[in-house]
Protein backbone atom coordinates (compact mmCIF):
# COMPACT_ATOMS: atom_id res chain seq x y z
CA UNK A 1 0.00 0.00 0.00
CA UNK A 2 1.16 3.53 -0.76
CA UNK A 3 2.41 5.25 2.38
CA UNK A 4 0.84 8.47 3.65
CA UNK A 5 3.18 11.18 4.91
CA UNK A 6 1.38 14.09 6.54
CA UNK A 7 2.81 17.54 5.85
CA UNK A 8 2.31 19.61 9.01
CA UNK A 9 3.32 23.01 7.60
CA UNK A 10 -0.23 24.35 7.88
CA UNK A 11 -0.37 23.37 11.55
CA UNK A 12 2.76 25.45 12.14
CA UNK A 13 1.21 28.33 10.18
CA UNK A 14 -1.77 28.39 12.55
CA UNK A 15 0.55 28.24 15.56
CA UNK A 16 2.65 31.12 14.27
CA UNK A 17 -0.40 33.38 13.93
CA UNK A 18 -0.32 33.76 17.72
CA UNK A 19 2.62 34.14 20.06
CA UNK A 20 2.00 30.77 21.68
CA UNK A 21 2.47 27.05 21.19
CA UNK A 22 -1.10 26.30 20.14
CA UNK A 23 -1.45 23.97 18.37
CA UNK A 24 1.56 22.10 19.71
CA UNK A 25 3.44 20.96 16.60
CA UNK A 26 5.30 18.23 18.44
CA UNK A 27 2.08 16.73 19.80
CA UNK A 28 0.39 16.96 16.40
CA UNK A 29 3.24 14.97 14.83
CA UNK A 30 2.96 12.32 17.55
CA UNK A 31 -0.81 12.15 17.09
CA UNK A 32 -0.61 11.94 13.29
CA UNK A 33 1.50 8.82 13.64
CA UNK A 34 -0.82 7.44 16.33
CA UNK A 35 -3.77 7.99 13.97
CA UNK A 36 -2.10 6.05 11.17
CA UNK A 37 0.28 8.37 9.28
CA UNK A 38 3.34 6.53 8.03
CA UNK A 39 5.50 9.62 7.80
CA UNK A 40 5.79 13.29 8.74
CA UNK A 41 6.82 15.89 6.16
CA UNK A 42 7.96 19.47 6.78
CA UNK A 43 9.08 22.16 4.37
CA UNK A 44 10.98 24.91 6.21
CA UNK A 45 11.43 28.12 4.24
CA UNK A 46 13.93 30.92 4.87
CA UNK A 47 11.27 33.29 6.25
CA UNK A 48 10.03 30.56 8.65
CA UNK A 49 6.43 31.49 7.91
CA UNK A 50 5.31 28.06 9.04
CA UNK A 51 7.91 25.46 10.02
CA UNK A 52 10.76 27.07 11.93
CA UNK A 53 14.30 25.78 11.82
CA UNK A 54 14.07 25.33 15.59
CA UNK A 55 11.16 22.90 15.09
CA UNK A 56 13.29 20.38 13.23
CA UNK A 57 15.36 18.88 16.09
CA UNK A 58 12.21 18.67 18.25
CA UNK A 59 10.37 16.75 15.54
CA UNK A 60 13.41 14.58 14.84
CA UNK A 61 13.26 13.36 18.44
CA UNK A 62 9.61 12.26 18.30
CA UNK A 63 8.95 11.05 14.75
CA UNK A 64 9.10 7.25 14.80
CA UNK A 65 7.92 6.49 11.25
CA UNK A 66 9.62 8.41 8.43
CA UNK A 67 10.81 11.99 8.69
CA UNK A 68 10.93 13.85 5.37
CA UNK A 69 12.36 17.37 5.11
CA UNK A 70 11.62 19.26 1.89
CA UNK A 71 13.23 22.41 0.63
CA UNK A 72 15.47 24.35 -1.68
CA UNK A 73 19.11 23.25 -1.29
CA UNK A 74 20.58 26.50 -0.04
CA UNK A 75 23.48 26.26 2.39
CA UNK A 76 21.42 26.94 5.53
CA UNK A 77 18.87 24.32 4.53
CA UNK A 78 21.53 21.72 3.78
CA UNK A 79 23.23 22.32 7.13
CA UNK A 80 19.86 21.89 8.86
CA UNK A 81 19.29 18.59 7.08
CA UNK A 82 22.80 17.33 7.76
CA UNK A 83 22.52 18.15 11.46
CA UNK A 84 19.17 16.40 11.88
CA UNK A 85 19.55 13.49 9.42
CA UNK A 86 15.97 12.78 8.34
CA UNK A 87 15.18 9.51 6.62
CA UNK A 88 14.52 11.44 3.40
CA UNK A 89 15.31 14.86 2.00
CA UNK A 90 13.17 16.04 -0.90
CA UNK A 91 14.89 18.74 -2.93
CA UNK A 92 12.49 21.34 -4.33
CA UNK A 93 13.39 24.16 -6.77
CA UNK A 94 11.38 26.87 -5.04
CA UNK A 95 13.14 30.22 -4.50
CA UNK A 96 12.53 32.04 -1.19
CA UNK A 97 9.84 34.39 -2.52
CA UNK A 98 7.33 31.82 -3.83
CA UNK A 99 4.11 31.10 -1.95
CA UNK A 100 4.21 27.37 -2.55
CA UNK A 101 6.06 24.86 -4.73
CA UNK A 102 4.66 25.06 -8.25
CA UNK A 103 7.12 23.25 -10.52
CA UNK A 104 9.77 20.57 -10.49
CA UNK A 105 13.47 20.47 -11.30
CA UNK A 106 14.93 20.64 -14.75
CA UNK A 107 17.37 17.83 -14.01
CA UNK A 108 19.30 18.43 -17.22
CA UNK A 109 19.96 22.10 -16.60
CA UNK A 110 20.70 21.61 -12.89
CA UNK A 111 22.51 18.28 -13.15
CA UNK A 112 25.91 19.32 -11.77
CA UNK A 113 24.49 21.14 -8.76
CA UNK A 114 22.08 18.31 -7.95
CA UNK A 115 24.82 15.68 -8.19
CA UNK A 116 26.95 17.64 -5.73
CA UNK A 117 24.10 18.11 -3.26
CA UNK A 118 22.95 14.49 -3.52
CA UNK A 119 26.47 13.18 -2.92
CA UNK A 120 26.71 15.45 0.10
CA UNK A 121 23.47 14.15 1.58
CA UNK A 122 24.28 10.53 0.73
CA UNK A 123 27.51 10.88 2.71
CA UNK A 124 25.29 11.47 5.76
CA UNK A 125 23.14 8.43 5.02
CA UNK A 126 20.10 10.45 3.87
CA UNK A 127 17.84 9.22 1.07
CA UNK A 128 17.23 11.90 -1.57
CA UNK A 129 14.13 12.55 -3.64
CA UNK A 130 13.81 15.15 -6.41
CA UNK A 131 10.60 17.11 -6.97
CA UNK A 132 9.77 16.72 -10.68
CA UNK A 133 7.18 17.40 -13.33
CA UNK A 134 6.24 14.25 -15.29
CA UNK A 135 8.68 14.83 -18.16
CA UNK A 136 10.56 11.81 -19.52
CA UNK A 137 13.82 13.70 -19.99
CA UNK A 138 13.77 14.81 -16.36
CA UNK A 139 13.19 11.25 -15.11
CA UNK A 140 16.32 10.03 -16.87
CA UNK A 141 18.13 13.14 -15.68
CA UNK A 142 17.16 12.38 -12.09
CA UNK A 143 18.71 8.95 -12.39
CA UNK A 144 21.94 10.50 -13.65
CA UNK A 145 22.17 12.76 -10.61
CA UNK A 146 22.19 9.76 -8.27
CA UNK A 147 18.80 10.49 -6.69
CA UNK A 148 17.06 7.60 -4.94
CA UNK A 149 13.52 8.73 -5.68
CA UNK A 150 11.48 11.30 -7.50
CA UNK A 151 8.39 13.10 -6.24
CA UNK A 152 5.90 14.03 -8.93
CA UNK A 153 4.49 17.54 -8.69
CA UNK A 154 0.74 16.88 -8.83
CA UNK A 155 -0.60 20.45 -8.82
CA UNK A 156 -1.39 20.42 -12.55
CA UNK A 157 -2.86 16.93 -12.24
CA UNK A 158 -5.23 18.17 -9.53
CA UNK A 159 -6.42 21.03 -11.71
CA UNK A 160 -6.94 18.94 -14.84
CA UNK A 161 -8.54 16.08 -12.91
CA UNK A 162 -11.70 18.13 -12.43
CA UNK A 163 -12.48 18.07 -16.15
CA UNK A 164 -10.50 15.14 -17.59
CA UNK A 165 -9.02 12.61 -15.16
CA UNK A 166 -7.56 10.34 -17.84
CA UNK A 167 -5.71 13.15 -19.58
CA UNK A 168 -4.57 14.57 -16.24
CA UNK A 169 -2.79 11.41 -15.16
CA UNK A 170 -1.44 9.98 -18.41
CA UNK A 171 2.02 11.61 -18.22
CA UNK A 172 2.39 10.55 -14.59
CA UNK A 173 1.57 6.95 -15.49
CA UNK A 174 4.07 6.90 -18.35
CA UNK A 175 6.86 8.54 -16.37
CA UNK A 176 6.26 6.30 -13.34
CA UNK A 177 6.76 3.26 -15.56
CA UNK A 178 10.07 4.70 -16.72
CA UNK A 179 11.13 5.42 -13.14
CA UNK A 180 10.22 1.88 -12.09
CA UNK A 181 12.23 0.45 -14.98
CA UNK A 182 15.41 2.43 -14.27
CA UNK A 183 15.33 1.95 -10.50
CA UNK A 184 13.93 5.21 -9.15
CA UNK A 185 11.37 5.15 -6.36
CA UNK A 186 8.21 7.18 -7.00
CA UNK A 187 6.59 9.61 -4.56
CA UNK A 188 3.99 12.30 -5.28
CA UNK A 189 2.58 15.42 -3.70
CA UNK A 190 0.85 18.80 -4.04
CA UNK A 191 -2.92 19.40 -4.10
CA UNK A 192 -3.78 15.73 -3.74
CA UNK A 193 -7.08 15.39 -1.89
CA UNK A 194 -9.97 13.03 -1.19
CA UNK A 195 -11.43 13.67 -4.65
CA UNK A 196 -8.38 12.89 -6.77
CA UNK A 197 -6.11 10.71 -4.63
CA UNK A 198 -7.69 7.29 -5.14
CA UNK A 199 -7.64 7.61 -8.93
CA UNK A 200 -4.05 8.82 -8.94
CA UNK A 201 -2.96 5.94 -6.74
CA UNK A 202 -4.67 3.44 -9.05
CA UNK A 203 -3.15 4.86 -12.22
CA UNK A 204 0.47 5.49 -11.15
CA UNK A 205 2.37 2.20 -10.89
CA UNK A 206 4.82 1.65 -8.07
CA UNK A 207 3.74 4.70 -6.09
CA UNK A 208 5.58 4.43 -2.77
CA UNK A 209 4.51 7.53 -0.88
CA UNK A 210 2.32 10.61 -1.04
CA UNK A 211 2.95 13.75 0.97
CA UNK A 212 -0.26 15.63 1.76
CA UNK A 213 -0.73 18.69 3.94
CA UNK A 214 -3.02 21.50 2.88
CA UNK A 215 -6.02 19.38 1.88
CA UNK A 216 -5.69 16.94 4.77
CA UNK A 217 -5.42 19.66 7.42
CA UNK A 218 -8.37 21.46 5.80
CA UNK A 219 -10.43 18.27 5.91
CA UNK A 220 -9.44 17.79 9.54
CA UNK A 221 -11.37 20.97 10.40
CA UNK A 222 -14.56 19.14 9.43
CA UNK A 223 -13.74 15.49 10.15
CA UNK A 224 -11.15 15.73 12.91
CA UNK A 225 -7.49 14.83 12.44
CA UNK A 226 -7.86 11.12 13.17
CA UNK A 227 -10.79 10.66 10.80
CA UNK A 228 -9.11 12.71 8.06
CA UNK A 229 -5.96 10.59 8.19
CA UNK A 230 -8.03 7.41 8.05
CA UNK A 231 -10.00 8.70 5.05
CA UNK A 232 -6.79 9.43 3.17
CA UNK A 233 -5.35 6.05 4.05
CA UNK A 234 -8.55 4.40 2.80
CA UNK A 235 -8.12 6.20 -0.52
CA UNK A 236 -4.66 4.60 -0.79
CA UNK A 237 -5.76 1.03 -0.19
């Protein structure tokens, strides 16, 4: 079954809106795992508008499933990752001023830099995933960099799914087959929700893990966190 990693950025965003520790990010991470999540994902950004750098060692101590840190490979981010050694680091090409991740790496154009960063993280025993659009050239390029996995950017899929599910997923299916063939693990994330997740999971072969935050936390407002996690896990069965 595809694993569910819960991105808790939005929980941190709510906490940061007040000068307090409510909700308690550490306790939320513990509870997400207790409720069935098979991983915790965070994406610290330089302005710390949600996850703060100081949150990372606290979460590292309590996460017992899989800890995944996402982000742009600037020097401060890489030092944070090296110091805390998550199970997985997902490299995302988002500059500091973007609101949210909205595209994947051009692994051909950025090959040399990615190879250097991946070798650096591998030396610390950290698995590396690259955030990618479903483009065949970029899949092969990811393999050349030495990455262990890729994470498909599913924002465009989520938009197109509303009108044409088959057309929305076809590139993901094709590129996942290529990744499976050449030995790259396949993850996915961004705008996956209870409407489009089950279909995506059925159509993308070898999908190992999805990282979901915004939609799941939004659903938790109505269903409660435990029920929301269970609903997402059911969609992945």
